Amino acid sequence: MSAPADRIAPLRAFVAEATRLADRRLPGAGHVNEVRALLARLIATDGWLPEACAQPHPEHYQQHLLHCDPLERFSVVSFVWGPGQRTPIHDHQVWGLIGMLRGAETGQRYHRDAGGALRLDGPVARLEPGGIEMVSPATGDIHLVANAFDDRVSISIHVYGANIGAVARHVFDPVSGAARPFVSGYSSTPVPNLWDRSSEVRARL
């Protein structure tokens, strides 16, 4: 009898390698570039994301925690966008990588001028499956993200350099540019069990 498929193995492998990178603490942009390569491999295949972490909400996007490093050095999150859903204009306060898994999303970047008003920072960008975007206080941290589709769900996988659900961040008024503090939290309490490898071990007995 063949062993059951270990569907979540790609996520487990990502977490293991990202933890090793966090332990190494590469200088400068080297660390984020290494994580980007890991994320590219993760989103190159589908089928590993648990169904519970792929469910949309009828009114707003969902932010499901897939894993948080025990020392909160990084977190992995699935963003599930129902048809037409979007974020407010917001920042992150830490580096983040956004990898598209299913569907597509659009992103509009902003910056604040000397008076605090929001200004468009480049054109609307579209992220397709396999594509990765970066946000960072050093390179551009304010944006608005939306599902590119009005008739289907889109899912992106995000990696942040902190426990993003517990980071004090900001949302911005689109007219005045005024910032209001917010902490996003997460949309669900359970976290996927990456570590039940019992079927793999039984198959070797």
N, C-alpha and C. Protein backbone atom coordinates (compact mmCIF):
# COMPACT_ATOMS: atom_id res chain seq x y z
N MET A 1 0.85 -1.19 0.00
CA MET A 1 0.00 0.00 0.00
C MET A 1 0.89 1.24 0.00
N SER A 2 0.61 2.20 -0.89
CA SER A 2 1.42 3.42 -0.95
C SER A 2 1.05 4.35 0.18
N ALA A 3 2.00 5.16 0.60
CA ALA A 3 1.76 6.12 1.68
C ALA A 3 0.92 7.27 1.17
N PRO A 4 0.08 7.86 2.05
CA PRO A 4 -0.68 9.04 1.65
C PRO A 4 0.26 10.17 1.22
N ALA A 5 -0.19 10.96 0.26
CA ALA A 5 0.64 12.06 -0.22
C ALA A 5 0.86 13.08 0.90
N ASP A 6 2.08 13.53 1.04
CA ASP A 6 2.44 14.54 2.04
C ASP A 6 2.26 15.91 1.38
N ARG A 7 1.03 16.35 1.26
CA ARG A 7 0.73 17.53 0.46
C ARG A 7 1.38 18.79 1.00
N ILE A 8 1.54 18.88 2.30
CA ILE A 8 2.02 20.12 2.90
C ILE A 8 3.55 20.19 2.93
N ALA A 9 4.21 19.18 2.40
CA ALA A 9 5.69 19.10 2.43
C ALA A 9 6.36 20.35 1.86
N PRO A 10 5.89 20.96 0.75
CA PRO A 10 6.57 22.16 0.25
C PRO A 10 6.59 23.31 1.26
N LEU A 11 5.51 23.47 2.01
CA LEU A 11 5.49 24.53 3.02
C LEU A 11 6.44 24.19 4.16
N ARG A 12 6.47 22.93 4.57
CA ARG A 12 7.39 22.52 5.63
C ARG A 12 8.84 22.76 5.21
N ALA A 13 9.16 22.44 3.96
CA ALA A 13 10.52 22.66 3.47
C ALA A 13 10.84 24.16 3.45
N PHE A 14 9.88 24.98 3.04
CA PHE A 14 10.11 26.43 3.05
C PHE A 14 10.41 26.92 4.46
N VAL A 15 9.60 26.50 5.42
CA VAL A 15 9.78 26.94 6.81
C VAL A 15 11.14 26.51 7.34
N ALA A 16 11.55 25.28 7.04
CA ALA A 16 12.85 24.80 7.52
C ALA A 16 13.99 25.64 6.94
N GLU A 17 13.94 25.91 5.62
CA GLU A 17 15.01 26.68 4.99
C GLU A 17 14.98 28.14 5.44
N ALA A 18 13.80 28.71 5.59
CA ALA A 18 13.71 30.10 6.05
C ALA A 18 14.23 30.24 7.48
N THR A 19 14.04 29.21 8.29
CA THR A 19 14.57 29.23 9.66
C THR A 19 16.09 29.18 9.64
N ARG A 20 16.65 28.34 8.78
CA ARG A 20 18.11 28.30 8.66
C ARG A 20 18.67 29.64 8.21
N LEU A 21 17.97 30.30 7.28
CA LEU A 21 18.41 31.63 6.84
C LEU A 21 18.33 32.64 7.98
N ALA A 22 17.28 32.59 8.77
CA ALA A 22 17.14 33.51 9.90
C ALA A 22 18.27 33.30 10.90
N ASP A 23 18.70 32.07 11.06
CA ASP A 23 19.81 31.79 11.96
C ASP A 23 21.13 32.36 11.43
N ARG A 24 21.28 32.37 10.10
CA ARG A 24 22.53 32.85 9.49
C ARG A 24 22.62 34.37 9.49
N ARG A 25 21.49 35.06 9.39
CA ARG A 25 21.43 36.52 9.42
C ARG A 25 22.37 37.13 8.38
N LEU A 26 22.14 36.85 7.12
CA LEU A 26 22.93 37.44 6.05
C LEU A 26 22.80 38.96 6.07
N PRO A 27 23.86 39.68 5.74
CA PRO A 27 23.80 41.15 5.81
C PRO A 27 23.01 41.76 4.67
N GLY A 28 22.48 42.96 4.91
CA GLY A 28 21.85 43.76 3.88
C GLY A 28 20.70 43.05 3.19
N ALA A 29 20.65 43.22 1.86
CA ALA A 29 19.56 42.65 1.07
C ALA A 29 19.76 41.16 0.81
N GLY A 30 20.91 40.61 1.20
CA GLY A 30 21.17 39.22 0.92
C GLY A 30 20.15 38.29 1.53
N HIS A 31 19.72 38.58 2.75
CA HIS A 31 18.75 37.72 3.42
C HIS A 31 17.43 37.70 2.66
N VAL A 32 16.92 38.87 2.31
CA VAL A 32 15.63 38.94 1.62
C VAL A 32 15.72 38.27 0.26
N ASN A 33 16.83 38.43 -0.43
CA ASN A 33 16.99 37.79 -1.73
C ASN A 33 16.97 36.27 -1.61
N GLU A 34 17.57 35.74 -0.55
CA GLU A 34 17.53 34.30 -0.32
C GLU A 34 16.11 33.83 -0.04
N VAL A 35 15.38 34.60 0.77
CA VAL A 35 13.99 34.23 1.06
C VAL A 35 13.15 34.31 -0.21
N ARG A 36 13.42 35.29 -1.05
CA ARG A 36 12.69 35.40 -2.33
C ARG A 36 12.85 34.13 -3.17
N ALA A 37 14.07 33.60 -3.20
CA ALA A 37 14.30 32.38 -3.98
C ALA A 37 13.51 31.21 -3.39
N LEU A 38 13.44 31.12 -2.07
CA LEU A 38 12.64 30.07 -1.43
C LEU A 38 11.16 30.24 -1.75
N LEU A 39 10.68 31.49 -1.70
CA LEU A 39 9.27 31.74 -1.99
C LEU A 39 8.94 31.42 -3.44
N ALA A 40 9.85 31.72 -4.35
CA ALA A 40 9.63 31.39 -5.76
C ALA A 40 9.42 29.89 -5.94
N ARG A 41 10.19 29.08 -5.23
CA ARG A 41 10.00 27.64 -5.32
C ARG A 41 8.67 27.21 -4.72
N LEU A 42 8.29 27.84 -3.62
CA LEU A 42 7.04 27.46 -2.95
C LEU A 42 5.83 27.72 -3.85
N ILE A 43 5.78 28.88 -4.48
CA ILE A 43 4.60 29.24 -5.28
C ILE A 43 4.65 28.69 -6.70
N ALA A 44 5.74 27.99 -7.03
CA ALA A 44 5.84 27.39 -8.37
C ALA A 44 4.91 26.19 -8.51
N THR A 45 4.46 25.64 -7.38
CA THR A 45 3.52 24.52 -7.41
C THR A 45 2.31 24.87 -6.56
N ASP A 46 1.19 24.29 -6.89
CA ASP A 46 -0.04 24.49 -6.13
C ASP A 46 -0.44 23.13 -5.55
N GLY A 47 -1.42 23.15 -4.65
CA GLY A 47 -1.89 21.91 -4.06
C GLY A 47 -1.42 21.71 -2.64
N TRP A 48 -0.41 22.45 -2.18
CA TRP A 48 0.10 22.29 -0.83
C TRP A 48 -0.66 23.14 0.19
N LEU A 49 -1.36 24.19 -0.26
CA LEU A 49 -2.04 25.08 0.68
C LEU A 49 -3.26 24.39 1.27
N PRO A 50 -3.34 24.26 2.61
CA PRO A 50 -4.51 23.62 3.22
C PRO A 50 -5.80 24.35 2.83
N GLU A 51 -6.85 23.58 2.62
CA GLU A 51 -8.11 24.15 2.15
C GLU A 51 -8.65 25.19 3.13
N ALA A 52 -8.44 24.96 4.42
CA ALA A 52 -8.93 25.92 5.42
C ALA A 52 -8.26 27.27 5.29
N CYS A 53 -7.09 27.31 4.69
CA CYS A 53 -6.34 28.57 4.53
C CYS A 53 -6.53 29.18 3.15
N ALA A 54 -7.52 28.67 2.42
CA ALA A 54 -7.81 29.16 1.07
C ALA A 54 -9.25 29.62 0.93
N GLN A 55 -9.94 29.78 2.07
CA GLN A 55 -11.36 30.12 2.04
C GLN A 55 -11.57 31.64 2.07
N PRO A 56 -12.36 32.18 1.15
CA PRO A 56 -12.63 33.62 1.17
C PRO A 56 -13.74 33.96 2.17
N HIS A 57 -13.82 35.22 2.49
CA HIS A 57 -14.91 35.78 3.29
C HIS A 57 -15.75 36.63 2.34
N PRO A 58 -17.08 36.65 2.50
CA PRO A 58 -17.90 37.39 1.54
C PRO A 58 -17.72 38.90 1.58
N GLU A 59 -17.15 39.44 2.68
CA GLU A 59 -17.10 40.89 2.82
C GLU A 59 -15.69 41.47 2.78
N HIS A 60 -14.68 40.72 3.15
CA HIS A 60 -13.33 41.28 3.23
C HIS A 60 -12.30 40.17 3.03
N TYR A 61 -11.08 40.60 2.69
CA TYR A 61 -10.03 39.61 2.47
C TYR A 61 -9.65 38.92 3.77
N GLN A 62 -9.07 37.73 3.63
CA GLN A 62 -8.66 36.92 4.77
C GLN A 62 -7.13 36.86 4.84
N GLN A 63 -6.61 36.87 6.06
CA GLN A 63 -5.17 36.80 6.30
C GLN A 63 -4.92 35.62 7.23
N HIS A 64 -4.59 34.46 6.64
CA HIS A 64 -4.42 33.22 7.42
C HIS A 64 -2.94 33.00 7.74
N LEU A 65 -2.63 32.82 9.00
CA LEU A 65 -1.27 32.52 9.40
C LEU A 65 -0.94 31.07 9.05
N LEU A 66 0.12 30.88 8.27
CA LEU A 66 0.59 29.54 7.93
C LEU A 66 1.72 29.10 8.86
N HIS A 67 2.56 30.05 9.26
CA HIS A 67 3.63 29.75 10.20
C HIS A 67 4.21 31.05 10.72
N CYS A 68 4.60 31.05 12.01
CA CYS A 68 5.37 32.15 12.57
C CYS A 68 6.58 31.55 13.27
N ASP A 69 7.74 32.06 12.95
CA ASP A 69 8.97 31.64 13.61
C ASP A 69 8.82 31.83 15.12
N PRO A 70 9.28 30.87 15.94
CA PRO A 70 9.12 31.00 17.39
C PRO A 70 9.73 32.27 17.97
N LEU A 71 10.76 32.81 17.31
CA LEU A 71 11.37 34.06 17.76
C LEU A 71 10.81 35.27 17.01
N GLU A 72 9.76 35.05 16.22
CA GLU A 72 9.07 36.11 15.46
C GLU A 72 9.99 36.83 14.48
N ARG A 73 10.96 36.08 13.94
CA ARG A 73 11.85 36.67 12.94
C ARG A 73 11.23 36.70 11.56
N PHE A 74 10.23 35.86 11.31
CA PHE A 74 9.50 35.89 10.05
C PHE A 74 8.16 35.21 10.25
N SER A 75 7.24 35.50 9.35
CA SER A 75 5.93 34.86 9.34
C SER A 75 5.52 34.61 7.90
N VAL A 76 4.67 33.60 7.71
CA VAL A 76 4.18 33.21 6.38
C VAL A 76 2.66 33.24 6.44
N VAL A 77 2.04 33.90 5.49
CA VAL A 77 0.61 34.16 5.54
C VAL A 77 0.00 33.92 4.17
N SER A 78 -1.20 33.32 4.13
CA SER A 78 -1.95 33.27 2.88
C SER A 78 -3.01 34.37 2.90
N PHE A 79 -3.00 35.20 1.87
CA PHE A 79 -4.02 36.23 1.70
C PHE A 79 -5.03 35.72 0.68
N VAL A 80 -6.27 35.66 1.10
CA VAL A 80 -7.33 35.12 0.25
C VAL A 80 -8.27 36.28 -0.10
N TRP A 81 -8.33 36.57 -1.38
CA TRP A 81 -9.10 37.71 -1.87
C TRP A 81 -10.38 37.21 -2.53
N GLY A 82 -11.54 37.57 -1.97
CA GLY A 82 -12.79 37.32 -2.65
C GLY A 82 -12.92 38.24 -3.85
N PRO A 83 -13.88 37.99 -4.73
CA PRO A 83 -14.04 38.82 -5.92
C PRO A 83 -14.14 40.30 -5.58
N GLY A 84 -13.29 41.10 -6.21
CA GLY A 84 -13.34 42.55 -6.06
C GLY A 84 -12.83 43.10 -4.74
N GLN A 85 -12.34 42.28 -3.85
CA GLN A 85 -11.90 42.77 -2.53
C GLN A 85 -10.56 43.47 -2.62
N ARG A 86 -10.35 44.41 -1.68
CA ARG A 86 -9.12 45.19 -1.67
C ARG A 86 -8.77 45.62 -0.26
N THR A 87 -7.53 46.02 -0.08
CA THR A 87 -7.08 46.56 1.20
C THR A 87 -7.33 48.06 1.23
N PRO A 88 -7.26 48.67 2.42
CA PRO A 88 -7.07 50.11 2.47
C PRO A 88 -5.63 50.44 2.09
N ILE A 89 -5.31 51.69 1.92
CA ILE A 89 -3.92 52.10 1.75
C ILE A 89 -3.22 51.89 3.09
N HIS A 90 -2.11 51.16 3.08
CA HIS A 90 -1.48 50.78 4.34
C HIS A 90 0.03 50.63 4.17
N ASP A 91 0.73 50.54 5.32
CA ASP A 91 2.15 50.24 5.30
C ASP A 91 2.41 48.96 6.07
N HIS A 92 3.70 48.61 6.24
CA HIS A 92 4.06 47.32 6.85
C HIS A 92 5.06 47.45 7.99
N GLN A 93 5.96 48.43 7.90
CA GLN A 93 6.99 48.69 8.92
C GLN A 93 8.09 47.64 8.95
N VAL A 94 7.98 46.59 8.15
CA VAL A 94 9.02 45.55 8.03
C VAL A 94 9.08 45.14 6.56
N TRP A 95 10.15 44.44 6.17
CA TRP A 95 10.20 43.95 4.79
C TRP A 95 9.15 42.85 4.58
N GLY A 96 8.67 42.76 3.36
CA GLY A 96 7.72 41.72 3.03
C GLY A 96 7.84 41.31 1.57
N LEU A 97 7.56 40.04 1.29
CA LEU A 97 7.53 39.51 -0.07
C LEU A 97 6.15 38.96 -0.34
N ILE A 98 5.59 39.29 -1.50
CA ILE A 98 4.25 38.89 -1.89
C ILE A 98 4.37 38.01 -3.12
N GLY A 99 4.01 36.73 -2.98
CA GLY A 99 4.11 35.79 -4.10
C GLY A 99 2.72 35.35 -4.52
N MET A 100 2.42 35.43 -5.82
CA MET A 100 1.09 35.10 -6.31
C MET A 100 0.97 33.60 -6.55
N LEU A 101 -0.05 32.99 -5.92
CA LEU A 101 -0.27 31.55 -6.05
C LEU A 101 -1.39 31.23 -7.02
N ARG A 102 -2.55 31.90 -6.86
CA ARG A 102 -3.71 31.64 -7.71
C ARG A 102 -4.37 32.97 -8.07
N GLY A 103 -4.91 33.04 -9.27
CA GLY A 103 -5.59 34.26 -9.69
C GLY A 103 -4.58 35.35 -10.01
N ALA A 104 -4.90 36.59 -9.62
CA ALA A 104 -4.01 37.72 -9.85
C ALA A 104 -4.45 38.86 -8.94
N GLU A 105 -3.52 39.76 -8.66
CA GLU A 105 -3.86 40.94 -7.88
C GLU A 105 -3.18 42.16 -8.47
N THR A 106 -3.72 43.32 -8.16
CA THR A 106 -3.12 44.57 -8.59
C THR A 106 -2.63 45.33 -7.37
N GLY A 107 -1.59 46.11 -7.56
CA GLY A 107 -1.04 46.91 -6.47
C GLY A 107 -0.72 48.32 -6.94
N GLN A 108 -1.10 49.28 -6.13
CA GLN A 108 -0.76 50.68 -6.38
C GLN A 108 0.09 51.18 -5.24
N ARG A 109 1.31 51.61 -5.54
CA ARG A 109 2.20 52.15 -4.52
C ARG A 109 1.96 53.65 -4.34
N TYR A 110 2.27 54.11 -3.13
CA TYR A 110 2.17 55.53 -2.80
C TYR A 110 3.41 55.95 -2.01
N HIS A 111 3.66 57.27 -2.00
CA HIS A 111 4.59 57.84 -1.04
C HIS A 111 3.96 59.09 -0.47
N ARG A 112 4.46 59.54 0.65
CA ARG A 112 3.95 60.77 1.28
C ARG A 112 4.93 61.89 0.99
N ASP A 113 4.37 63.05 0.57
CA ASP A 113 5.23 64.20 0.31
C ASP A 113 5.59 64.90 1.62
N ALA A 114 6.31 66.00 1.52
CA ALA A 114 6.80 66.69 2.71
C ALA A 114 5.67 67.16 3.61
N GLY A 115 4.49 67.38 3.03
CA GLY A 115 3.34 67.82 3.81
C GLY A 115 2.49 66.68 4.34
N GLY A 116 2.88 65.45 4.02
CA GLY A 116 2.13 64.30 4.50
C GLY A 116 1.06 63.80 3.56
N ALA A 117 0.87 64.48 2.42
CA ALA A 117 -0.15 64.04 1.46
C ALA A 117 0.35 62.81 0.70
N LEU A 118 -0.59 61.94 0.32
CA LEU A 118 -0.24 60.75 -0.46
C LEU A 118 -0.11 61.09 -1.94
N ARG A 119 0.94 60.58 -2.55
CA ARG A 119 1.16 60.74 -3.98
C ARG A 119 1.33 59.37 -4.62
N LEU A 120 0.79 59.20 -5.82
CA LEU A 120 0.99 57.95 -6.54
C LEU A 120 2.49 57.73 -6.80
N ASP A 121 2.91 56.50 -6.65
CA ASP A 121 4.31 56.15 -6.86
C ASP A 121 4.36 55.07 -7.94
N GLY A 122 4.32 55.52 -9.20
CA GLY A 122 4.33 54.59 -10.32
C GLY A 122 2.94 54.14 -10.70
N PRO A 123 2.83 53.35 -11.78
CA PRO A 123 1.54 52.88 -12.26
C PRO A 123 1.05 51.68 -11.45
N VAL A 124 -0.21 51.32 -11.68
CA VAL A 124 -0.74 50.09 -11.08
C VAL A 124 0.01 48.90 -11.66
N ALA A 125 0.45 48.01 -10.78
CA ALA A 125 1.17 46.81 -11.20
C ALA A 125 0.27 45.59 -11.01
N ARG A 126 0.38 44.64 -11.92
CA ARG A 126 -0.42 43.42 -11.85
C ARG A 126 0.51 42.24 -11.54
N LEU A 127 0.13 41.45 -10.56
CA LEU A 127 0.93 40.30 -10.15
C LEU A 127 0.22 39.03 -10.57
N GLU A 128 0.90 38.23 -11.39
CA GLU A 128 0.35 36.98 -11.91
C GLU A 128 0.97 35.80 -11.16
N PRO A 129 0.40 34.59 -11.26
CA PRO A 129 0.96 33.43 -10.57
C PRO A 129 2.45 33.25 -10.85
N GLY A 130 3.20 33.03 -9.79
CA GLY A 130 4.65 32.89 -9.89
C GLY A 130 5.40 34.19 -9.70
N GLY A 131 4.70 35.34 -9.81
CA GLY A 131 5.34 36.64 -9.64
C GLY A 131 5.51 37.00 -8.18
N ILE A 132 6.52 37.80 -7.89
CA ILE A 132 6.82 38.22 -6.51
C ILE A 132 7.07 39.73 -6.49
N GLU A 133 6.46 40.40 -5.52
CA GLU A 133 6.69 41.82 -5.27
C GLU A 133 7.28 41.98 -3.88
N MET A 134 8.02 43.06 -3.67
CA MET A 134 8.62 43.34 -2.37
C MET A 134 8.11 44.66 -1.82
N VAL A 135 7.91 44.71 -0.50
CA VAL A 135 7.66 45.96 0.20
C VAL A 135 8.69 46.09 1.30
N SER A 136 9.07 47.32 1.61
CA SER A 136 10.08 47.55 2.63
C SER A 136 10.09 49.04 2.99
N PRO A 137 10.30 49.37 4.25
CA PRO A 137 10.45 50.79 4.61
C PRO A 137 11.59 51.46 3.85
N ALA A 138 12.57 50.67 3.41
CA ALA A 138 13.72 51.25 2.72
C ALA A 138 13.46 51.49 1.24
N THR A 139 12.53 50.74 0.63
CA THR A 139 12.36 50.82 -0.82
C THR A 139 10.94 51.19 -1.26
N GLY A 140 10.01 51.31 -0.35
CA GLY A 140 8.62 51.61 -0.67
C GLY A 140 7.69 50.73 0.12
N ASP A 141 6.95 51.33 1.05
CA ASP A 141 6.23 50.54 2.04
C ASP A 141 4.73 50.81 2.07
N ILE A 142 4.26 51.75 1.26
CA ILE A 142 2.84 52.12 1.30
C ILE A 142 2.19 51.68 0.00
N HIS A 143 1.10 50.93 0.11
CA HIS A 143 0.41 50.52 -1.10
C HIS A 143 -1.04 50.14 -0.81
N LEU A 144 -1.77 49.94 -1.89
CA LEU A 144 -3.13 49.39 -1.87
C LEU A 144 -3.12 48.19 -2.79
N VAL A 145 -3.69 47.07 -2.32
CA VAL A 145 -3.70 45.83 -3.09
C VAL A 145 -5.14 45.38 -3.29
N ALA A 146 -5.44 44.83 -4.46
CA ALA A 146 -6.80 44.39 -4.77
C ALA A 146 -6.77 43.13 -5.60
N ASN A 147 -7.82 42.33 -5.45
CA ASN A 147 -8.04 41.20 -6.35
C ASN A 147 -8.24 41.75 -7.76
N ALA A 148 -7.51 41.20 -8.71
CA ALA A 148 -7.64 41.66 -10.09
C ALA A 148 -8.94 41.21 -10.73
N PHE A 149 -9.67 40.29 -10.09
CA PHE A 149 -10.86 39.72 -10.68
C PHE A 149 -12.11 40.08 -9.88
N ASP A 150 -13.20 40.30 -10.58
CA ASP A 150 -14.50 40.55 -9.95
C ASP A 150 -15.35 39.30 -9.87
N ASP A 151 -14.83 38.16 -10.38
CA ASP A 151 -15.67 36.96 -10.46
C ASP A 151 -14.99 35.71 -9.93
N ARG A 152 -13.83 35.86 -9.29
CA ARG A 152 -13.15 34.67 -8.77
C ARG A 152 -12.23 35.04 -7.61
N VAL A 153 -11.83 34.01 -6.88
CA VAL A 153 -10.94 34.17 -5.74
C VAL A 153 -9.49 34.21 -6.22
N SER A 154 -8.67 35.05 -5.58
CA SER A 154 -7.23 35.06 -5.80
C SER A 154 -6.53 34.82 -4.47
N ILE A 155 -5.36 34.18 -4.51
CA ILE A 155 -4.61 33.88 -3.29
C ILE A 155 -3.14 34.22 -3.50
N SER A 156 -2.59 34.98 -2.57
CA SER A 156 -1.16 35.27 -2.57
C SER A 156 -0.55 34.80 -1.26
N ILE A 157 0.72 34.43 -1.32
CA ILE A 157 1.46 33.96 -0.16
C ILE A 157 2.48 35.05 0.21
N HIS A 158 2.40 35.51 1.47
CA HIS A 158 3.24 36.61 1.92
C HIS A 158 4.23 36.11 2.98
N VAL A 159 5.44 36.63 2.91
CA VAL A 159 6.46 36.38 3.93
C VAL A 159 6.92 37.73 4.45
N TYR A 160 6.93 37.89 5.76
CA TYR A 160 7.33 39.15 6.38
C TYR A 160 8.47 38.93 7.36
N GLY A 161 9.24 39.99 7.60
CA GLY A 161 10.36 39.91 8.51
C GLY A 161 9.99 40.14 9.95
N ALA A 162 8.81 39.67 10.35
CA ALA A 162 8.33 39.79 11.73
C ALA A 162 7.03 39.00 11.81
N ASN A 163 6.45 38.93 13.00
CA ASN A 163 5.11 38.37 13.17
C ASN A 163 4.13 39.46 12.73
N ILE A 164 3.78 39.46 11.45
CA ILE A 164 3.08 40.61 10.86
C ILE A 164 1.75 40.89 11.52
N GLY A 165 1.08 39.87 12.06
CA GLY A 165 -0.21 40.11 12.70
C GLY A 165 -0.11 40.90 13.98
N ALA A 166 1.11 41.03 14.52
CA ALA A 166 1.31 41.75 15.78
C ALA A 166 2.14 43.02 15.60
N VAL A 167 2.37 43.44 14.36
CA VAL A 167 3.16 44.64 14.10
C VAL A 167 2.24 45.86 14.09
N ALA A 168 2.63 46.90 14.81
CA ALA A 168 1.89 48.16 14.79
C ALA A 168 2.17 48.88 13.47
N ARG A 169 1.13 49.05 12.66
CA ARG A 169 1.28 49.63 11.33
C ARG A 169 0.32 50.81 11.18
N HIS A 170 0.09 51.23 9.92
CA HIS A 170 -0.78 52.38 9.66
C HIS A 170 -1.66 52.11 8.44
N VAL A 171 -2.86 52.65 8.49
CA VAL A 171 -3.67 52.84 7.30
C VAL A 171 -3.78 54.34 7.06
N PHE A 172 -3.99 54.72 5.80
CA PHE A 172 -3.92 56.12 5.42
C PHE A 172 -5.21 56.58 4.77
N ASP A 173 -5.64 57.76 5.13
CA ASP A 173 -6.79 58.37 4.48
C ASP A 173 -6.38 58.75 3.06
N PRO A 174 -7.12 58.30 2.04
CA PRO A 174 -6.69 58.55 0.66
C PRO A 174 -6.74 60.01 0.25
N VAL A 175 -7.52 60.83 0.95
CA VAL A 175 -7.64 62.25 0.59
C VAL A 175 -6.62 63.10 1.35
N SER A 176 -6.61 62.97 2.67
CA SER A 176 -5.73 63.82 3.48
C SER A 176 -4.35 63.23 3.69
N GLY A 177 -4.23 61.91 3.53
CA GLY A 177 -2.97 61.25 3.82
C GLY A 177 -2.75 60.98 5.30
N ALA A 178 -3.73 61.34 6.12
CA ALA A 178 -3.58 61.14 7.56
C ALA A 178 -3.41 59.66 7.89
N ALA A 179 -2.48 59.37 8.80
CA ALA A 179 -2.19 57.99 9.19
C ALA A 179 -2.96 57.63 10.46
N ARG A 180 -3.50 56.42 10.48
CA ARG A 180 -4.17 55.89 11.66
C ARG A 180 -3.53 54.55 12.01
N PRO A 181 -3.16 54.33 13.29
CA PRO A 181 -2.51 53.07 13.65
C PRO A 181 -3.47 51.89 13.55
N PHE A 182 -2.95 50.73 13.17
CA PHE A 182 -3.73 49.50 13.22
C PHE A 182 -2.80 48.30 13.40
N VAL A 183 -3.36 47.24 13.92
CA VAL A 183 -2.67 45.95 14.05
C VAL A 183 -3.58 44.93 13.40
N SER A 184 -3.09 44.22 12.39
CA SER A 184 -3.97 43.42 11.55
C SER A 184 -4.49 42.16 12.23
N GLY A 185 -3.68 41.53 13.09
CA GLY A 185 -4.07 40.22 13.60
C GLY A 185 -4.18 39.22 12.47
N TYR A 186 -4.92 38.13 12.72
CA TYR A 186 -5.10 37.08 11.71
C TYR A 186 -6.57 36.71 11.62
N SER A 187 -6.95 36.14 10.49
CA SER A 187 -8.36 35.83 10.23
C SER A 187 -8.81 34.52 10.85
N SER A 188 -7.89 33.67 11.26
CA SER A 188 -8.27 32.38 11.82
C SER A 188 -7.33 32.02 12.96
N THR A 189 -7.82 31.17 13.86
CA THR A 189 -7.02 30.76 15.02
C THR A 189 -6.14 29.56 14.74
N PRO A 190 -6.65 28.47 14.11
CA PRO A 190 -5.79 27.30 13.86
C PRO A 190 -4.66 27.62 12.89
N VAL A 191 -3.53 26.98 13.10
CA VAL A 191 -2.38 27.09 12.21
C VAL A 191 -2.12 25.69 11.63
N PRO A 192 -1.81 25.56 10.33
CA PRO A 192 -1.60 24.23 9.74
C PRO A 192 -0.57 23.42 10.50
N ASN A 193 -0.83 22.13 10.63
CA ASN A 193 0.11 21.22 11.28
C ASN A 193 1.14 20.77 10.24
N LEU A 194 2.34 21.34 10.33
CA LEU A 194 3.40 20.99 9.40
C LEU A 194 4.14 19.73 9.79
N TRP A 195 3.94 19.28 11.01
CA TRP A 195 4.90 18.35 11.59
C TRP A 195 4.37 16.94 11.78
N ASP A 196 3.18 16.63 11.32
CA ASP A 196 2.70 15.25 11.38
C ASP A 196 3.25 14.48 10.17
N ARG A 197 4.40 13.87 10.36
CA ARG A 197 5.02 13.08 9.30
C ARG A 197 4.84 11.60 9.57
N SER A 198 3.81 11.25 10.33
CA SER A 198 3.62 9.86 10.75
C SER A 198 3.41 8.92 9.57
N SER A 199 2.68 9.37 8.55
CA SER A 199 2.44 8.48 7.41
C SER A 199 3.74 8.18 6.67
N GLU A 200 4.62 9.17 6.59
CA GLU A 200 5.92 8.96 5.94
C GLU A 200 6.75 7.93 6.70
N VAL A 201 6.74 8.04 8.03
CA VAL A 201 7.52 7.11 8.83
C VAL A 201 6.93 5.71 8.79
N ARG A 202 5.59 5.61 8.87
CA ARG A 202 4.95 4.30 8.80
C ARG A 202 5.27 3.58 7.50
N ALA A 203 5.37 4.35 6.40
CA ALA A 203 5.62 3.74 5.09
C ALA A 203 6.98 3.09 5.03
N ARG A 204 7.90 3.50 5.91
CA ARG A 204 9.25 2.93 5.91
C ARG A 204 9.36 1.70 6.82
N LEU A 205 8.30 1.42 7.61
CA LEU A 205 8.37 0.29 8.54
C LEU A 205 8.21 -1.04 7.81
